Amino acid sequence: MKNVLFVILFSFAKNTFSQVFWTETFNNGCASGCLANGMNTGNGAWSVVSLAGDASAAMGDMPNDWYVSCAENGHTNTVCGSGCVALSAINTLASLHIGSTSIGDLGAAYDAGGLCGIWWCTNTHKRVQSPLISTVGKTGITISFNYIELGQTTSDDMYAVQYSTNGGTTWTTLSNPAKTTCCGGACNGSLQGKWSTFTSATLPVAAENIANFRLAFVWKNNDDGVGADPSFAMDNLTLSSTAVLPIELVDFTYVVESGITNLIWKTASEKNSSHYEIQKSEDGVGFMTIGKVDAAFNSSHMSYYSFKDNSMNDEIVYYRLKIVDTDGTYQFSKRVVIEPGSDLSNNYYINDSKKLVIKRNYFQANDIEYVSIIDTEGKTVANYSLTDVIREDHAEIPVQGLTGGIYLCHLKGNSAHKSFKFYLPY
């Protein structure tokens, strides 16, 4: 029983992580109307190519086009679409999106047409292409981005995420992202889209270790006058690779006490580590940074870290570490998941004498005879008979000689077992 409990409560994250090596935020400072063709936010210029030469891709005289602006604000997973949301007086979050040429850039709102032969044709078949991306030294590459999309089934559709391993001479279709949902009900063309996250499968080996990799996104619509907004918008495009972390993370765990989540981690060694960003999520997908802890830089011995999240968590929450090196590269730890009911601190506390006090109501109705204290390596560091530590309305377990960290208190008897985690400050 002890080993099972240890595995559940003390699972460690080690060595191999997903490392983001290329990011495009699309934040060009444009409020509206800026075409994606030629847009450069520091990675190189994006380009837009008409695919009218394709027999299946007729091009109208006023086709919908790719824009980069905050007319459609970039958002994270589950957030409802919007226009520009100012983070500061000069900072907004732009997105790459399909807008209308005939009615202008109103965000991810396109012209479904239907006037071809009367006024203009909006037939669109355009590919927006990234600048060259180096994947030299990268393996296990995946693509991720936040997006919204509707249109009209496969007739008006962001139908292809593509990649090229020869600078754009030829393209391979990777995926057609699923349509996203809308906020406030079933999508009807007037509701805001709800942002989602796309993450690809691992790319083939041919995409690895080359200097002329490109990504592309293809939108088409058929000018039949039938469609529904939003068209397509994307933000926070990242490429990640598997990497061996220069930090040997021994464990990353938690304990909840009196509504406060204590996140604890330790490393056996570190090389060129800058800091840790503590990130939190309600759905395990979209994470927000809630704190920062400086790292040891270079270390060949055990280093201990902790962070307290004082916010009350009434629903399931997820935490992870963003581990940042001095050169700006970063990796993510595995997630820890905290469910409601994890806080058992109303049953125990550490008193002024550095003893673990367990209230009698936690164990009195059970057949408890022994108390064990177990460290994060699964080693029993203390054993007591309950009769030796019992007091009038509680039990007192000496823990003052233990080093700081998280421990498992395991109460056991002939027919009953109970356990909880507790935290000793370093």
Protein backbone atom coordinates (compact mmCIF):
# COMPACT_ATOMS: atom_id res chain seq x y z
CA MET A 1 0.00 0.00 0.00
CA LYS A 2 2.81 2.39 0.81
CA ASN A 3 4.38 2.05 -2.64
CA VAL A 4 1.09 2.71 -4.41
CA LEU A 5 0.54 5.87 -2.43
CA PHE A 6 4.03 7.05 -3.20
CA VAL A 7 3.59 6.66 -6.93
CA ILE A 8 0.32 8.58 -6.90
CA LEU A 9 1.49 11.47 -4.80
CA PHE A 10 5.13 11.85 -5.81
CA SER A 11 5.51 11.46 -9.54
CA PHE A 12 8.67 13.18 -10.81
CA ALA A 13 9.37 14.98 -14.09
CA LYS A 14 12.79 14.39 -15.58
CA ASN A 15 15.13 15.41 -18.37
CA THR A 16 13.18 15.42 -21.69
CA PHE A 17 10.93 18.39 -22.40
CA SER A 18 9.23 20.23 -25.25
CA GLN A 19 11.33 23.29 -26.08
CA VAL A 20 9.91 26.24 -28.04
CA PHE A 21 12.54 27.38 -30.54
CA TRP A 22 10.53 29.68 -32.84
CA THR A 23 7.58 31.99 -32.08
CA GLU A 24 5.50 34.40 -34.14
CA THR A 25 3.19 36.70 -32.14
CA PHE A 26 2.07 38.86 -35.13
CA ASN A 27 2.20 41.96 -32.91
CA ASN A 28 2.90 44.59 -35.56
CA GLY A 29 1.09 47.47 -33.81
CA CYS A 30 -1.50 47.76 -36.58
CA ALA A 31 -5.11 48.50 -35.63
CA SER A 32 -6.68 47.53 -38.96
CA GLY A 33 -6.06 47.12 -42.67
CA CYS A 34 -2.44 45.91 -42.71
CA LEU A 35 -1.93 43.19 -45.29
CA ALA A 36 0.07 40.13 -44.27
CA ASN A 37 2.17 40.25 -47.43
CA GLY A 38 5.54 41.70 -46.40
CA MET A 39 4.70 41.79 -42.66
CA ASN A 40 7.84 41.34 -40.52
CA THR A 41 7.85 41.41 -36.70
CA GLY A 42 11.48 40.29 -36.43
CA ASN A 43 11.45 36.75 -37.83
CA GLY A 44 11.52 37.80 -41.49
CA ALA A 45 8.86 38.78 -43.98
CA TRP A 46 5.68 36.79 -44.54
CA SER A 47 4.35 36.49 -48.10
CA VAL A 48 0.95 35.85 -49.67
CA VAL A 49 0.64 33.83 -52.88
CA SER A 50 -2.44 33.54 -55.09
CA LEU A 51 -3.20 29.97 -56.08
CA ALA A 52 -5.43 30.97 -58.99
CA GLY A 53 -3.36 28.80 -61.29
CA ASP A 54 -4.75 25.75 -59.53
CA ALA A 55 -7.59 24.33 -61.62
CA SER A 56 -9.72 24.06 -58.47
CA ALA A 57 -8.94 27.57 -57.30
CA ALA A 58 -10.60 30.32 -59.30
CA MET A 59 -9.59 33.79 -58.08
CA GLY A 60 -12.06 36.67 -57.99
CA ASP A 61 -11.36 40.32 -58.74
CA MET A 62 -11.82 41.28 -55.05
CA PRO A 63 -10.85 38.13 -53.13
CA ASN A 64 -10.75 38.06 -49.34
CA ASP A 65 -7.21 38.61 -48.14
CA TRP A 66 -4.79 37.84 -45.30
CA TYR A 67 -4.34 40.68 -42.80
CA VAL A 68 -2.22 41.16 -39.67
CA SER A 69 -3.85 43.57 -37.24
CA CYS A 70 -5.73 43.71 -33.96
CA ALA A 71 -9.01 44.25 -35.78
CA GLU A 72 -9.24 40.61 -34.66
CA ASN A 73 -7.47 40.51 -31.32
CA GLY A 74 -5.29 37.50 -30.64
CA HIS A 75 -6.50 35.47 -27.66
CA THR A 76 -5.74 32.27 -25.75
CA ASN A 77 -7.77 29.10 -25.52
CA THR A 78 -11.52 29.40 -24.62
CA VAL A 79 -11.54 33.23 -24.79
CA CYS A 80 -14.25 34.88 -26.90
CA GLY A 81 -13.17 36.80 -29.98
CA SER A 82 -12.99 40.59 -29.92
CA GLY A 83 -11.59 43.68 -31.54
CA CYS A 84 -8.48 45.37 -30.20
CA VAL A 85 -7.91 44.88 -26.48
CA ALA A 86 -5.22 47.26 -25.25
CA LEU A 87 -2.67 45.81 -22.87
CA SER A 88 -1.20 49.29 -22.53
CA ALA A 89 -1.38 52.58 -24.36
CA ILE A 90 0.84 51.24 -27.16
CA ASN A 91 0.48 47.47 -26.93
CA THR A 92 -2.28 45.36 -28.43
CA LEU A 93 -2.42 41.73 -29.55
CA ALA A 94 -2.69 41.42 -33.32
CA SER A 95 -3.59 38.24 -35.18
CA LEU A 96 -3.13 36.82 -38.65
CA HIS A 97 -6.62 36.56 -40.15
CA ILE A 98 -8.75 36.45 -43.27
CA GLY A 99 -10.61 39.74 -43.77
CA SER A 100 -12.57 41.19 -46.63
CA THR A 101 -11.04 43.19 -49.48
CA SER A 102 -14.43 44.55 -50.57
CA ILE A 103 -15.64 45.77 -47.16
CA GLY A 104 -12.25 46.20 -45.46
CA ASP A 105 -10.43 44.63 -42.52
CA LEU A 106 -13.06 44.18 -39.85
CA GLY A 107 -11.22 41.27 -38.24
CA ALA A 108 -12.02 37.63 -39.01
CA ALA A 109 -15.04 38.68 -41.07
CA TYR A 110 -15.11 37.79 -44.75
CA ASP A 111 -17.25 38.50 -47.80
CA ALA A 112 -19.11 35.36 -48.94
CA GLY A 113 -19.82 37.05 -52.29
CA GLY A 114 -22.66 35.95 -54.52
CA LEU A 115 -22.43 38.99 -56.83
CA CYS A 116 -20.03 37.57 -59.38
CA GLY A 117 -21.08 38.81 -62.82
CA ILE A 118 -23.12 41.62 -61.26
CA TRP A 119 -20.55 43.58 -59.28
CA TRP A 120 -17.41 41.70 -58.15
CA CYS A 121 -16.19 38.21 -57.38
CA THR A 122 -14.76 37.27 -53.98
CA ASN A 123 -13.42 33.83 -54.91
CA THR A 124 -10.32 33.29 -52.77
CA HIS A 125 -7.55 30.73 -52.86
CA LYS A 126 -4.52 32.27 -51.15
CA ARG A 127 -1.60 30.83 -49.23
CA VAL A 128 0.14 32.91 -46.57
CA GLN A 129 3.73 31.75 -46.12
CA SER A 130 6.15 32.19 -43.22
CA PRO A 131 9.70 33.41 -43.64
CA LEU A 132 12.44 30.80 -43.71
CA ILE A 133 12.80 28.99 -40.39
CA SER A 134 15.93 27.14 -39.29
CA THR A 135 15.36 23.75 -37.68
CA VAL A 136 19.08 22.99 -37.51
CA GLY A 137 19.75 20.86 -34.44
CA LYS A 138 16.03 20.34 -33.77
CA THR A 139 14.24 16.99 -33.61
CA GLY A 140 10.70 15.90 -32.74
CA ILE A 141 9.20 19.13 -34.14
CA THR A 142 5.58 20.08 -33.44
CA ILE A 143 3.50 23.12 -34.43
CA SER A 144 1.06 24.91 -32.16
CA PHE A 145 -1.15 27.99 -32.46
CA ASN A 146 -4.30 29.57 -31.04
CA TYR A 147 -7.11 30.09 -33.54
CA ILE A 148 -10.77 30.60 -34.39
CA GLU A 149 -12.44 29.36 -37.58
CA LEU A 150 -15.89 28.89 -39.08
CA GLY A 151 -16.72 29.75 -42.70
CA GLN A 152 -18.92 27.30 -44.60
CA THR A 153 -17.94 23.64 -44.09
CA THR A 154 -15.27 22.89 -46.75
CA SER A 155 -16.49 25.52 -49.27
CA ASP A 156 -15.26 28.51 -47.26
CA ASP A 157 -12.44 27.06 -45.22
CA MET A 158 -8.95 27.46 -43.80
CA TYR A 159 -8.40 24.06 -45.28
CA ALA A 160 -4.66 23.46 -45.07
CA VAL A 161 -1.78 23.86 -42.66
CA GLN A 162 1.22 23.15 -44.87
CA TYR A 163 4.97 22.92 -44.54
CA SER A 164 7.87 22.96 -46.96
CA THR A 165 11.32 21.46 -46.54
CA ASN A 166 12.78 23.22 -49.59
CA GLY A 167 12.04 26.87 -48.95
CA GLY A 168 8.57 26.83 -50.52
CA THR A 169 9.20 25.08 -53.83
CA THR A 170 6.88 22.24 -52.86
CA TRP A 171 4.38 21.94 -50.02
CA THR A 172 3.05 19.08 -47.89
CA THR A 173 -0.39 19.39 -46.29
CA LEU A 174 -0.22 18.62 -42.61
CA SER A 175 -3.79 19.17 -41.42
CA ASN A 176 -7.15 20.84 -41.85
CA PRO A 177 -7.86 22.29 -38.39
CA ALA A 178 -11.29 21.58 -36.92
CA LYS A 179 -13.89 24.33 -36.92
CA THR A 180 -14.10 26.08 -33.57
CA THR A 181 -17.20 26.85 -31.53
CA CYS A 182 -18.84 30.20 -30.82
CA CYS A 183 -19.59 32.12 -27.66
CA GLY A 184 -23.23 32.38 -26.63
CA GLY A 185 -24.66 29.47 -28.59
CA ALA A 186 -24.53 27.70 -31.93
CA CYS A 187 -22.47 29.54 -34.55
CA ASN A 188 -24.79 31.57 -36.77
CA GLY A 189 -22.46 34.10 -38.38
CA SER A 190 -23.12 36.85 -35.84
CA LEU A 191 -21.64 35.34 -32.65
CA GLN A 192 -18.01 35.75 -31.65
CA GLY A 193 -15.78 32.74 -32.16
CA LYS A 194 -14.32 30.96 -29.14
CA TRP A 195 -10.56 30.61 -29.41
CA SER A 196 -9.08 27.13 -29.38
CA THR A 197 -5.60 25.59 -29.64
CA PHE A 198 -4.16 23.52 -32.46
CA THR A 199 -1.18 21.24 -31.83
CA SER A 200 0.18 19.09 -34.61
CA ALA A 201 1.54 15.60 -34.54
CA THR A 202 5.33 15.33 -34.68
CA LEU A 203 6.61 16.34 -38.12
CA PRO A 204 8.54 13.85 -40.27
CA VAL A 205 12.31 13.62 -39.99
CA ALA A 206 12.59 15.51 -43.31
CA ALA A 207 11.55 18.69 -41.45
CA GLU A 208 14.43 18.39 -38.99
CA ASN A 209 17.91 19.89 -39.16
CA ILE A 210 17.35 22.12 -42.21
CA ALA A 211 17.79 25.87 -42.78
CA ASN A 212 14.94 26.43 -45.25
CA PHE A 213 11.80 25.19 -43.51
CA ARG A 214 8.57 27.16 -44.06
CA LEU A 215 5.00 27.04 -42.78
CA ALA A 216 1.90 28.08 -44.71
CA PHE A 217 -1.86 28.43 -44.26
CA VAL A 218 -4.36 28.29 -47.12
CA TRP A 219 -7.83 29.86 -47.15
CA LYS A 220 -10.41 29.34 -49.89
CA ASN A 221 -13.96 30.53 -50.46
CA ASN A 222 -16.22 29.98 -53.46
CA ASP A 223 -18.23 33.22 -53.83
CA ASP A 224 -21.59 31.48 -53.52
CA GLY A 225 -22.98 34.10 -51.14
CA VAL A 226 -23.29 31.57 -48.33
CA GLY A 227 -20.96 31.67 -45.34
CA ALA A 228 -20.64 32.50 -41.67
CA ASP A 229 -18.15 34.54 -39.66
CA PRO A 230 -15.63 34.15 -38.20
CA SER A 231 -13.41 33.25 -41.13
CA PHE A 232 -10.01 32.31 -39.67
CA ALA A 233 -7.65 34.01 -37.23
CA MET A 234 -4.46 32.77 -35.63
CA ASP A 235 -2.06 33.96 -32.93
CA ASN A 236 0.95 32.76 -30.96
CA LEU A 237 2.35 30.40 -33.59
CA THR A 238 5.15 28.29 -32.09
CA LEU A 239 7.48 25.51 -33.19
CA SER A 240 8.78 23.18 -30.50
CA SER A 241 11.26 20.34 -30.40
CA THR A 242 12.18 17.66 -27.93
CA ALA A 243 15.22 18.59 -25.91
CA VAL A 244 17.29 17.29 -23.05
CA LEU A 245 16.95 19.85 -20.32
CA PRO A 246 20.18 21.37 -18.99
CA ILE A 247 18.38 21.34 -15.65
CA GLU A 248 17.95 18.01 -13.88
CA LEU A 249 14.55 18.46 -12.32
CA VAL A 250 14.25 15.91 -9.54
CA ASP A 251 10.65 16.60 -8.62
CA PHE A 252 7.84 19.11 -9.00
CA THR A 253 4.94 18.66 -6.62
CA TYR A 254 2.58 20.53 -4.32
CA VAL A 255 0.67 20.60 -1.11
CA VAL A 256 -2.49 22.63 -0.39
CA GLU A 257 -2.79 24.13 3.09
CA SER A 258 -5.54 26.50 4.25
CA GLY A 259 -6.45 27.34 0.67
CA ILE A 260 -2.85 28.19 -0.28
CA THR A 261 -1.12 26.04 -2.89
CA ASN A 262 2.56 25.47 -2.10
CA LEU A 263 4.43 24.47 -5.26
CA ILE A 264 7.74 22.78 -4.50
CA TRP A 265 10.49 21.66 -6.84
CA LYS A 266 14.16 20.77 -6.61
CA THR A 267 16.99 20.24 -9.06
CA ALA A 268 20.04 18.01 -8.82
CA SER A 269 22.05 20.19 -11.21
CA GLU A 270 21.64 23.29 -13.38
CA LYS A 271 23.56 24.83 -16.28
CA ASN A 272 22.97 28.40 -17.48
CA SER A 273 19.55 28.55 -15.86
CA SER A 274 17.98 32.03 -15.61
CA HIS A 275 14.61 31.70 -13.87
CA TYR A 276 11.41 29.75 -13.44
CA GLU A 277 8.02 31.12 -14.45
CA ILE A 278 5.13 29.53 -12.58
CA GLN A 279 2.13 29.04 -14.88
CA LYS A 280 -1.46 28.15 -14.05
CA SER A 281 -4.41 26.92 -16.11
CA GLU A 282 -8.07 26.06 -15.59
CA ASP A 283 -8.24 23.68 -18.58
CA GLY A 284 -4.69 22.31 -18.88
CA VAL A 285 -4.24 24.00 -22.27
CA GLY A 286 -4.16 27.78 -21.92
CA PHE A 287 -1.62 28.76 -19.23
CA MET A 288 -1.03 32.15 -17.58
CA THR A 289 2.16 33.16 -15.75
CA ILE A 290 1.42 33.95 -12.10
CA GLY A 291 4.94 34.31 -10.69
CA LYS A 292 8.69 34.13 -11.21
CA VAL A 293 11.53 32.61 -9.17
CA ASP A 294 15.23 33.15 -9.94
CA ALA A 295 17.23 30.02 -10.74
CA ALA A 296 20.65 28.93 -9.46
CA PHE A 297 22.40 29.63 -12.82
CA ASN A 298 25.10 26.94 -12.53
CA SER A 299 24.91 24.31 -9.83
CA SER A 300 26.10 20.74 -9.31
CA HIS A 301 24.26 20.22 -6.01
CA MET A 302 20.65 19.98 -4.92
CA SER A 303 18.75 23.29 -5.18
CA TYR A 304 15.34 23.83 -3.59
CA TYR A 305 12.56 26.15 -4.77
CA SER A 306 9.03 27.01 -3.68
CA PHE A 307 6.20 29.30 -4.70
CA LYS A 308 2.87 30.05 -3.02
CA ASP A 309 -0.31 30.66 -4.94
CA ASN A 310 -2.61 32.44 -2.49
CA SER A 311 -5.70 32.34 -4.70
CA MET A 312 -8.45 29.95 -3.68
CA ASN A 313 -9.00 27.11 -6.14
CA ASP A 314 -12.57 25.82 -6.06
CA GLU A 315 -12.23 23.94 -9.36
CA ILE A 316 -9.59 21.66 -10.84
CA VAL A 317 -6.41 23.59 -11.74
CA TYR A 318 -3.14 22.81 -13.48
CA TYR A 319 0.35 24.14 -12.82
CA ARG A 320 3.59 23.87 -14.77
CA LEU A 321 7.05 25.45 -14.75
CA LYS A 322 8.44 27.43 -17.66
CA ILE A 323 12.17 26.86 -17.25
CA VAL A 324 14.12 29.69 -18.91
CA ASP A 325 17.82 29.57 -19.77
CA THR A 326 20.14 32.58 -19.87
CA ASP A 327 20.03 32.58 -23.69
CA GLY A 328 16.24 32.96 -23.66
CA THR A 329 15.37 29.41 -24.69
CA TYR A 330 12.85 27.70 -22.47
CA GLN A 331 11.19 24.39 -21.72
CA PHE A 332 8.08 23.34 -19.84
CA SER A 333 7.90 20.86 -17.00
CA LYS A 334 5.19 18.28 -16.80
CA ARG A 335 1.94 19.53 -15.29
CA VAL A 336 0.70 18.93 -11.78
CA VAL A 337 -3.06 18.64 -11.40
CA ILE A 338 -4.87 19.76 -8.26
CA GLU A 339 -8.46 18.69 -7.74
CA PRO A 340 -11.00 20.09 -5.26
CA GLY A 341 -10.65 18.38 -1.91
CA SER A 342 -6.84 18.32 -1.98
CA ASP A 343 -6.72 20.63 1.05
CA LEU A 344 -6.72 18.51 4.22
CA SER A 345 -5.00 21.13 6.37
CA ASN A 346 -8.02 21.49 8.62
CA ASN A 347 -6.94 18.09 9.96
CA TYR A 348 -3.29 18.92 10.71
CA TYR A 349 -0.77 21.72 11.23
CA ILE A 350 2.86 22.30 12.25
CA ASN A 351 3.03 23.81 15.73
CA ASP A 352 5.61 26.18 17.21
CA SER A 353 7.71 23.23 18.39
CA LYS A 354 8.05 21.98 14.81
CA LYS A 355 5.83 18.99 15.48
CA LEU A 356 3.17 17.70 13.12
CA VAL A 357 -0.16 17.91 14.93
CA ILE A 358 -2.91 15.65 13.60
CA LYS A 359 -6.39 16.26 14.97
CA ARG A 360 -8.10 13.27 16.53
CA ASN A 361 -11.20 13.57 14.33
CA TYR A 362 -9.04 12.63 11.32
CA PHE A 363 -8.21 9.15 12.60
CA GLN A 364 -10.41 8.32 15.60
CA ALA A 365 -13.08 6.45 13.60
CA ASN A 366 -10.50 4.25 11.92
CA ASP A 367 -8.41 1.31 13.07
CA ILE A 368 -5.16 3.31 13.11
CA GLU A 369 -2.15 1.94 15.03
CA TYR A 370 0.97 3.38 13.38
CA VAL A 371 2.14 6.64 11.82
CA SER A 372 4.92 6.80 9.19
CA ILE A 373 6.62 9.80 7.61
CA ILE A 374 7.85 9.20 4.04
CA ASP A 375 10.10 11.50 2.01
CA THR A 376 9.87 12.25 -1.74
CA GLU A 377 12.26 9.40 -2.54
CA GLY A 378 9.86 6.91 -0.97
CA LYS A 379 12.04 6.29 2.07
CA THR A 380 10.42 6.03 5.49
CA VAL A 381 12.20 8.58 7.69
CA ALA A 382 10.16 8.07 10.86
CA ASN A 383 7.85 5.42 12.36
CA TYR A 384 5.70 5.83 15.47
CA SER A 385 3.14 3.80 17.33
CA LEU A 386 0.02 5.91 17.67
CA THR A 387 -0.09 5.20 21.40
CA ASP A 388 3.32 6.92 21.77
CA VAL A 389 2.25 10.15 20.09
CA ILE A 390 -1.42 10.40 21.03
CA ARG A 391 -2.58 13.29 23.20
CA GLU A 392 -6.02 14.24 24.54
CA ASP A 393 -7.50 15.51 21.25
CA HIS A 394 -4.64 15.08 18.79
CA ALA A 395 -1.42 13.27 17.89
CA GLU A 396 1.99 15.00 17.89
CA ILE A 397 4.60 13.67 15.45
CA PRO A 398 8.19 14.94 15.90
CA VAL A 399 9.38 16.32 12.54
CA GLN A 400 11.70 19.07 13.74
CA GLY A 401 14.80 17.11 12.67
CA LEU A 402 13.71 16.74 9.04
CA THR A 403 14.95 18.94 6.22
CA GLY A 404 12.50 21.20 4.44
CA GLY A 405 10.25 19.86 1.71
CA ILE A 406 7.11 17.84 1.14
CA TYR A 407 6.46 14.63 3.05
CA LEU A 408 3.78 11.99 3.09
CA CYS A 409 2.16 11.17 6.43
CA HIS A 410 0.81 7.62 6.26
CA LEU A 411 -1.50 6.36 9.00
CA LYS A 412 -2.15 2.64 9.01
CA GLY A 413 -3.79 -0.15 10.96
CA ASN A 414 -4.97 -3.70 10.46
CA SER A 415 -7.87 -2.67 8.23
CA ALA A 416 -7.48 1.04 7.50
CA HIS A 417 -5.00 3.32 5.71
CA LYS A 418 -5.05 7.11 5.42
CA SER A 419 -2.48 9.52 3.97
CA PHE A 420 -1.91 13.21 3.37
CA LYS A 421 0.96 15.42 2.25
CA PHE A 422 2.39 18.21 4.36
CA TYR A 423 5.02 20.86 3.81
CA LEU A 424 8.00 21.77 5.99
CA PRO A 425 9.61 25.10 5.06
CA TYR A 426 13.23 24.90 3.97
